Amino acid sequence: MNSMDRRPREGRIGPLGYYWFLTFEHAPDLHAAAKDCQQSIDTRLFDLTPDDGLHLTLDRIAHDGASTPEQRASITEAARSACEDQAPFTLTIERLTNLRGAIGFILSPAEQINNLRDTLRAATLFAFPDAPVKDSSSAPHVTIAYPMYEGLSAEAAATAAAIYAPLDGVAVTVSDVTMVALERRGCGYRWDEVACLSLSGKRKE
């Protein structure tokens, strides 16, 4: 891509709203795998995701400014109750791939992730019927590099295909889910934790 043809990546900058996330603060194997792969990514084109930015988006809860603290508290209580029957589970990296211009890991089994999303979605809609939940067109994934410019799908695909990293057997245990206040900063995302619920249904202190 000629530098004269590069258009900055589009999208809203600033607060986006509230979401259900899986975050991976205590996943050293995932962090190590991301760092191994990031060494081969061109930082002139892609913004690398730091360890504390690795996440998997489960669902959207509310747009910025469209919910109250009381509503979010009700959603949290409903989600805590709904998670009582959810046991921790393990995810593994399936492959590194192009994600519409970003680069990231596909995680499996998708059924476990989708079941948790559906549980949280039902709880969210029970407490907040107008929640703008959002289905993703992508397989469950963790992004390790975001495009700085529009139209980098070919570069992302070529980069993912050229990286050799020992991803077989890289696993992470999912034992909690987090409600976050999400915002976009630059090419990537940052968030503040609103509530973190264990899959045994108890709030983590």
C-alpha atoms as a PDB file:
ATOM      1  CA  MET A   1       0.000   0.000   0.000  1.00  0.00           C
ATOM      2  CA  ASN A   2       1.438   3.380  -0.970  1.00  0.00           C
ATOM      3  CA  SER A   3       1.726   5.749   1.981  1.00  0.00           C
ATOM      4  CA  MET A   4      -0.139   8.394  -0.048  1.00  0.00           C
ATOM      5  CA  ASP A   5      -3.149   6.057  -0.224  1.00  0.00           C
ATOM      6  CA  ARG A   6      -3.408   5.364   3.491  1.00  0.00           C
ATOM      7  CA  ARG A   7      -6.536   6.582   5.218  1.00  0.00           C
ATOM      8  CA  PRO A   8      -6.647   6.551   9.019  1.00  0.00           C
ATOM      9  CA  ARG A   9      -8.816   3.828  10.449  1.00  0.00           C
ATOM     10  CA  GLU A  10     -12.376   5.030  10.875  1.00  0.00           C
ATOM     11  CA  GLY A  11     -14.540   4.682  13.942  1.00  0.00           C
ATOM     12  CA  ARG A  12     -15.686   6.624  16.943  1.00  0.00           C
ATOM     13  CA  ILE A  13     -12.980   7.814  19.351  1.00  0.00           C
ATOM     14  CA  GLY A  14     -13.816   8.061  23.040  1.00  0.00           C
ATOM     15  CA  PRO A  15     -16.413   6.324  25.251  1.00  0.00           C
ATOM     16  CA  LEU A  16     -18.408   3.617  23.471  1.00  0.00           C
ATOM     17  CA  GLY A  17     -20.593   2.186  26.224  1.00  0.00           C
ATOM     18  CA  TYR A  18     -20.842  -0.912  28.411  1.00  0.00           C
ATOM     19  CA  TYR A  19     -19.950  -4.447  27.369  1.00  0.00           C
ATOM     20  CA  TRP A  20     -19.480  -7.956  28.693  1.00  0.00           C
ATOM     21  CA  PHE A  21     -15.835  -8.980  28.274  1.00  0.00           C
ATOM     22  CA  LEU A  22     -13.529 -11.835  28.987  1.00  0.00           C
ATOM     23  CA  THR A  23     -10.252 -10.277  30.111  1.00  0.00           C
ATOM     24  CA  PHE A  24      -6.981 -12.097  30.501  1.00  0.00           C
ATOM     25  CA  GLU A  25      -4.942 -10.418  33.221  1.00  0.00           C
ATOM     26  CA  HIS A  26      -3.846 -13.789  34.619  1.00  0.00           C
ATOM     27  CA  ALA A  27      -3.147 -15.695  31.406  1.00  0.00           C
ATOM     28  CA  PRO A  28       0.654 -15.836  31.039  1.00  0.00           C
ATOM     29  CA  ASP A  29       0.593 -18.409  28.229  1.00  0.00           C
ATOM     30  CA  LEU A  30      -1.742 -16.215  26.176  1.00  0.00           C
ATOM     31  CA  HIS A  31       0.427 -13.168  26.872  1.00  0.00           C
ATOM     32  CA  ALA A  32       3.558 -15.064  25.792  1.00  0.00           C
ATOM     33  CA  ALA A  33       1.900 -16.294  22.586  1.00  0.00           C
ATOM     34  CA  ALA A  34       0.780 -12.763  21.732  1.00  0.00           C
ATOM     35  CA  LYS A  35       4.267 -11.379  22.275  1.00  0.00           C
ATOM     36  CA  ASP A  36       5.827 -14.124  20.131  1.00  0.00           C
ATOM     37  CA  CYS A  37       3.517 -13.279  17.248  1.00  0.00           C
ATOM     38  CA  GLN A  38       3.762  -9.509  17.690  1.00  0.00           C
ATOM     39  CA  GLN A  39       7.513  -9.598  17.080  1.00  0.00           C
ATOM     40  CA  SER A  40       6.800 -10.193  13.374  1.00  0.00           C
ATOM     41  CA  ILE A  41       4.092  -7.537  12.952  1.00  0.00           C
ATOM     42  CA  ASP A  42       4.927  -4.281  11.158  1.00  0.00           C
ATOM     43  CA  THR A  43       4.319  -1.516  13.704  1.00  0.00           C
ATOM     44  CA  ARG A  44       4.226   1.044  10.899  1.00  0.00           C
ATOM     45  CA  LEU A  45       0.878  -0.475   9.902  1.00  0.00           C
ATOM     46  CA  PHE A  46      -0.475  -2.114  13.053  1.00  0.00           C
ATOM     47  CA  ASP A  47      -0.867  -1.022  16.664  1.00  0.00           C
ATOM     48  CA  LEU A  48       0.132  -3.867  18.987  1.00  0.00           C
ATOM     49  CA  THR A  49      -2.245  -4.790  21.805  1.00  0.00           C
ATOM     50  CA  PRO A  50      -0.575  -4.686  25.239  1.00  0.00           C
ATOM     51  CA  ASP A  51      -1.075  -7.481  27.754  1.00  0.00           C
ATOM     52  CA  ASP A  52      -3.669  -5.474  29.657  1.00  0.00           C
ATOM     53  CA  GLY A  53      -5.602  -4.820  26.443  1.00  0.00           C
ATOM     54  CA  LEU A  54      -6.171  -8.463  25.474  1.00  0.00           C
ATOM     55  CA  HIS A  55      -9.860  -9.305  25.658  1.00  0.00           C
ATOM     56  CA  LEU A  56     -12.725 -11.197  24.075  1.00  0.00           C
ATOM     57  CA  THR A  57     -15.961  -9.276  23.536  1.00  0.00           C
ATOM     58  CA  LEU A  58     -19.040 -11.261  24.526  1.00  0.00           C
ATOM     59  CA  ASP A  59     -21.849  -8.739  24.094  1.00  0.00           C
ATOM     60  CA  ARG A  60     -22.861  -5.096  24.172  1.00  0.00           C
ATOM     61  CA  ILE A  61     -24.947  -3.932  27.114  1.00  0.00           C
ATOM     62  CA  ALA A  62     -25.584  -0.230  26.477  1.00  0.00           C
ATOM     63  CA  HIS A  63     -24.320   2.658  24.392  1.00  0.00           C
ATOM     64  CA  ASP A  64     -22.504   5.463  26.163  1.00  0.00           C
ATOM     65  CA  GLY A  65     -24.988   7.644  28.039  1.00  0.00           C
ATOM     66  CA  ALA A  66     -27.915   5.285  27.437  1.00  0.00           C
ATOM     67  CA  SER A  67     -28.052   3.531  30.824  1.00  0.00           C
ATOM     68  CA  THR A  68     -28.086   4.567  34.470  1.00  0.00           C
ATOM     69  CA  PRO A  69     -25.979   3.252  37.357  1.00  0.00           C
ATOM     70  CA  GLU A  70     -29.144   1.699  38.767  1.00  0.00           C
ATOM     71  CA  GLN A  71     -29.842  -0.146  35.524  1.00  0.00           C
ATOM     72  CA  ARG A  72     -26.278  -1.430  35.370  1.00  0.00           C
ATOM     73  CA  ALA A  73     -26.533  -2.586  38.972  1.00  0.00           C
ATOM     74  CA  SER A  74     -29.716  -4.494  38.125  1.00  0.00           C
ATOM     75  CA  ILE A  75     -27.988  -6.091  35.134  1.00  0.00           C
ATOM     76  CA  THR A  76     -25.080  -7.113  37.362  1.00  0.00           C
ATOM     77  CA  GLU A  77     -27.402  -8.737  39.883  1.00  0.00           C
ATOM     78  CA  ALA A  78     -29.269 -10.618  37.155  1.00  0.00           C
ATOM     79  CA  ALA A  79     -25.981 -11.756  35.626  1.00  0.00           C
ATOM     80  CA  ARG A  80     -24.638 -12.935  38.968  1.00  0.00           C
ATOM     81  CA  SER A  81     -27.713 -15.086  39.448  1.00  0.00           C
ATOM     82  CA  ALA A  82     -27.509 -16.392  35.880  1.00  0.00           C
ATOM     83  CA  CYS A  83     -23.845 -17.363  36.327  1.00  0.00           C
ATOM     84  CA  GLU A  84     -24.586 -19.617  39.297  1.00  0.00           C
ATOM     85  CA  ASP A  85     -24.889 -22.612  36.973  1.00  0.00           C
ATOM     86  CA  GLN A  86     -21.895 -21.635  34.794  1.00  0.00           C
ATOM     87  CA  ALA A  87     -18.729 -23.582  35.536  1.00  0.00           C
ATOM     88  CA  PRO A  88     -15.237 -22.359  34.570  1.00  0.00           C
ATOM     89  CA  PHE A  89     -13.985 -23.679  31.236  1.00  0.00           C
ATOM     90  CA  THR A  90     -10.825 -23.746  29.159  1.00  0.00           C
ATOM     91  CA  LEU A  91     -10.237 -22.080  25.810  1.00  0.00           C
ATOM     92  CA  THR A  92      -7.419 -22.860  23.406  1.00  0.00           C
ATOM     93  CA  ILE A  93      -5.902 -20.905  20.534  1.00  0.00           C
ATOM     94  CA  GLU A  94      -7.054 -22.411  17.275  1.00  0.00           C
ATOM     95  CA  ARG A  95      -5.081 -20.228  14.863  1.00  0.00           C
ATOM     96  CA  LEU A  96      -3.778 -16.747  14.074  1.00  0.00           C
ATOM     97  CA  THR A  97      -5.732 -14.974  11.352  1.00  0.00           C
ATOM     98  CA  ASN A  98      -6.810 -11.770   9.625  1.00  0.00           C
ATOM     99  CA  LEU A  99      -9.822 -10.216  11.351  1.00  0.00           C
ATOM    100  CA  ARG A 100     -11.043  -7.731   8.746  1.00  0.00           C
ATOM    101  CA  GLY A 101      -7.734  -5.895   8.858  1.00  0.00           C
ATOM    102  CA  ALA A 102      -6.824  -6.686  12.453  1.00  0.00           C
ATOM    103  CA  ILE A 103      -4.682  -9.649  13.493  1.00  0.00           C
ATOM    104  CA  GLY A 104      -5.768 -12.006  16.222  1.00  0.00           C
ATOM    105  CA  PHE A 105      -6.248 -15.444  17.682  1.00  0.00           C
ATOM    106  CA  ILE A 106      -9.368 -17.501  17.018  1.00  0.00           C
ATOM    107  CA  LEU A 107     -10.338 -19.288  20.240  1.00  0.00           C
ATOM    108  CA  SER A 108     -12.252 -22.523  20.668  1.00  0.00           C
ATOM    109  CA  PRO A 109     -14.567 -24.121  21.584  1.00  0.00           C
ATOM    110  CA  ALA A 110     -16.925 -21.444  20.283  1.00  0.00           C
ATOM    111  CA  GLU A 111     -19.891 -23.267  21.817  1.00  0.00           C
ATOM    112  CA  GLN A 112     -18.670 -22.533  25.351  1.00  0.00           C
ATOM    113  CA  ILE A 113     -18.221 -18.863  24.569  1.00  0.00           C
ATOM    114  CA  ASN A 114     -21.579 -18.597  22.825  1.00  0.00           C
ATOM    115  CA  ASN A 115     -23.347 -20.348  25.695  1.00  0.00           C
ATOM    116  CA  LEU A 116     -21.872 -17.872  28.171  1.00  0.00           C
ATOM    117  CA  ARG A 117     -22.813 -14.961  25.908  1.00  0.00           C
ATOM    118  CA  ASP A 118     -26.377 -16.237  25.647  1.00  0.00           C
ATOM    119  CA  THR A 119     -26.609 -16.599  29.425  1.00  0.00           C
ATOM    120  CA  LEU A 120     -25.398 -13.047  29.966  1.00  0.00           C
ATOM    121  CA  ARG A 121     -27.609 -11.711  27.188  1.00  0.00           C
ATOM    122  CA  ALA A 122     -30.719 -13.256  28.728  1.00  0.00           C
ATOM    123  CA  ALA A 123     -29.832 -11.730  32.100  1.00  0.00           C
ATOM    124  CA  THR A 124     -29.106  -8.351  30.530  1.00  0.00           C
ATOM    125  CA  LEU A 125     -32.395  -8.251  28.628  1.00  0.00           C
ATOM    126  CA  PHE A 126     -34.305  -9.392  31.713  1.00  0.00           C
ATOM    127  CA  ALA A 127     -33.004  -6.385  33.647  1.00  0.00           C
ATOM    128  CA  PHE A 128     -32.739  -3.951  30.717  1.00  0.00           C
ATOM    129  CA  PRO A 129     -35.121  -4.924  27.879  1.00  0.00           C
ATOM    130  CA  ASP A 130     -33.838  -2.141  25.592  1.00  0.00           C
ATOM    131  CA  ALA A 131     -30.227  -3.306  25.714  1.00  0.00           C
ATOM    132  CA  PRO A 132     -28.663  -2.973  22.215  1.00  0.00           C
ATOM    133  CA  VAL A 133     -27.105  -6.438  22.232  1.00  0.00           C
ATOM    134  CA  LYS A 134     -24.897  -7.165  19.260  1.00  0.00           C
ATOM    135  CA  ASP A 135     -24.052 -10.370  17.445  1.00  0.00           C
ATOM    136  CA  SER A 136     -20.564 -10.565  15.987  1.00  0.00           C
ATOM    137  CA  SER A 137     -19.931 -11.706  12.429  1.00  0.00           C
ATOM    138  CA  SER A 138     -16.503 -12.989  13.486  1.00  0.00           C
ATOM    139  CA  ALA A 139     -15.572 -16.173  15.291  1.00  0.00           C
ATOM    140  CA  PRO A 140     -14.649 -15.664  18.973  1.00  0.00           C
ATOM    141  CA  HIS A 141     -11.260 -13.994  18.981  1.00  0.00           C
ATOM    142  CA  VAL A 142      -8.605 -12.023  20.828  1.00  0.00           C
ATOM    143  CA  THR A 143      -7.045  -9.226  18.790  1.00  0.00           C
ATOM    144  CA  ILE A 144      -3.274  -8.811  19.149  1.00  0.00           C
ATOM    145  CA  ALA A 145      -2.815  -5.951  16.640  1.00  0.00           C
ATOM    146  CA  TYR A 146      -5.195  -3.323  15.274  1.00  0.00           C
ATOM    147  CA  PRO A 147      -4.829  -1.679  11.854  1.00  0.00           C
ATOM    148  CA  MET A 148      -3.747   1.939  11.809  1.00  0.00           C
ATOM    149  CA  TYR A 149      -5.233   2.476   8.364  1.00  0.00           C
ATOM    150  CA  GLU A 150      -8.207   1.388   6.329  1.00  0.00           C
ATOM    151  CA  GLY A 151      -7.791  -1.392   3.774  1.00  0.00           C
ATOM    152  CA  LEU A 152      -5.150  -3.522   5.496  1.00  0.00           C
ATOM    153  CA  SER A 153      -6.922  -6.872   5.205  1.00  0.00           C
ATOM    154  CA  ALA A 154      -4.435  -8.191   2.641  1.00  0.00           C
ATOM    155  CA  GLU A 155      -1.494  -7.115   4.798  1.00  0.00           C
ATOM    156  CA  ALA A 156      -3.097  -8.646   7.898  1.00  0.00           C
ATOM    157  CA  ALA A 157      -3.747 -11.933   6.115  1.00  0.00           C
ATOM    158  CA  ALA A 158      -0.195 -12.096   4.746  1.00  0.00           C
ATOM    159  CA  THR A 159       1.271 -11.282   8.154  1.00  0.00           C
ATOM    160  CA  ALA A 160      -0.801 -13.937   9.931  1.00  0.00           C
ATOM    161  CA  ALA A 161       0.124 -16.535   7.309  1.00  0.00           C
ATOM    162  CA  ALA A 162       3.857 -15.746   7.579  1.00  0.00           C
ATOM    163  CA  ILE A 163       4.114 -15.913  11.378  1.00  0.00           C
ATOM    164  CA  TYR A 164       5.370 -19.134  12.861  1.00  0.00           C
ATOM    165  CA  ALA A 165       4.676 -19.489  16.554  1.00  0.00           C
ATOM    166  CA  PRO A 166       4.016 -22.591  18.676  1.00  0.00           C
ATOM    167  CA  LEU A 167       0.332 -22.001  19.371  1.00  0.00           C
ATOM    168  CA  ASP A 168      -0.711 -25.636  19.815  1.00  0.00           C
ATOM    169  CA  GLY A 169      -1.757 -26.265  23.379  1.00  0.00           C
ATOM    170  CA  VAL A 170      -1.861 -22.610  24.428  1.00  0.00           C
ATOM    171  CA  ALA A 171      -4.818 -22.489  26.774  1.00  0.00           C
ATOM    172  CA  VAL A 172      -6.539 -20.093  29.152  1.00  0.00           C
ATOM    173  CA  THR A 173      -9.025 -20.864  31.903  1.00  0.00           C
ATOM    174  CA  VAL A 174     -12.153 -18.703  31.946  1.00  0.00           C
ATOM    175  CA  SER A 175     -13.398 -18.361  35.497  1.00  0.00           C
ATOM    176  CA  ASP A 176     -15.002 -14.923  35.465  1.00  0.00           C
ATOM    177  CA  VAL A 177     -16.688 -12.381  33.238  1.00  0.00           C
ATOM    178  CA  THR A 178     -16.376  -8.606  33.435  1.00  0.00           C
ATOM    179  CA  MET A 179     -18.730  -5.716  32.737  1.00  0.00           C
ATOM    180  CA  VAL A 180     -16.601  -2.876  31.357  1.00  0.00           C
ATOM    181  CA  ALA A 181     -17.016   0.756  30.428  1.00  0.00           C
ATOM    182  CA  LEU A 182     -15.303   0.701  27.043  1.00  0.00           C
ATOM    183  CA  GLU A 183     -13.670   3.453  25.063  1.00  0.00           C
ATOM    184  CA  ARG A 184     -11.598   3.606  21.937  1.00  0.00           C
ATOM    185  CA  ARG A 185      -8.188   5.235  22.233  1.00  0.00           C
ATOM    186  CA  GLY A 186      -6.178   5.607  19.064  1.00  0.00           C
ATOM    187  CA  CYS A 187      -6.381   2.367  17.107  1.00  0.00           C
ATOM    188  CA  GLY A 188      -7.144   0.162  20.096  1.00  0.00           C
ATOM    189  CA  TYR A 189      -9.398   0.035  23.147  1.00  0.00           C
ATOM    190  CA  ARG A 190      -9.212   0.639  26.890  1.00  0.00           C
ATOM    191  CA  TRP A 191     -11.765   0.054  29.612  1.00  0.00           C
ATOM    192  CA  ASP A 192     -12.651   0.494  33.236  1.00  0.00           C
ATOM    193  CA  GLU A 193     -14.001  -2.465  35.154  1.00  0.00           C
ATOM    194  CA  VAL A 194     -17.562  -1.989  36.408  1.00  0.00           C
ATOM    195  CA  ALA A 195     -18.179  -5.466  37.834  1.00  0.00           C
ATOM    196  CA  CYS A 196     -16.340  -8.773  37.725  1.00  0.00           C
ATOM    197  CA  LEU A 197     -18.390 -11.902  38.354  1.00  0.00           C
ATOM    198  CA  SER A 198     -17.053 -15.381  38.906  1.00  0.00           C
ATOM    199  CA  LEU A 199     -18.729 -18.211  37.047  1.00  0.00           C
ATOM    200  CA  SER A 200     -19.830 -19.568  40.403  1.00  0.00           C
ATOM    201  CA  GLY A 201     -22.091 -16.521  40.636  1.00  0.00           C
ATOM    202  CA  LYS A 202     -20.108 -14.602  43.231  1.00  0.00           C
ATOM    203  CA  ARG A 203     -18.684 -11.121  42.822  1.00  0.00           C
ATOM    204  CA  LYS A 204     -14.883 -11.027  42.895  1.00  0.00           C
ATOM    205  CA  GLU A 205     -13.478  -8.613  45.455  1.00  0.00           C
END
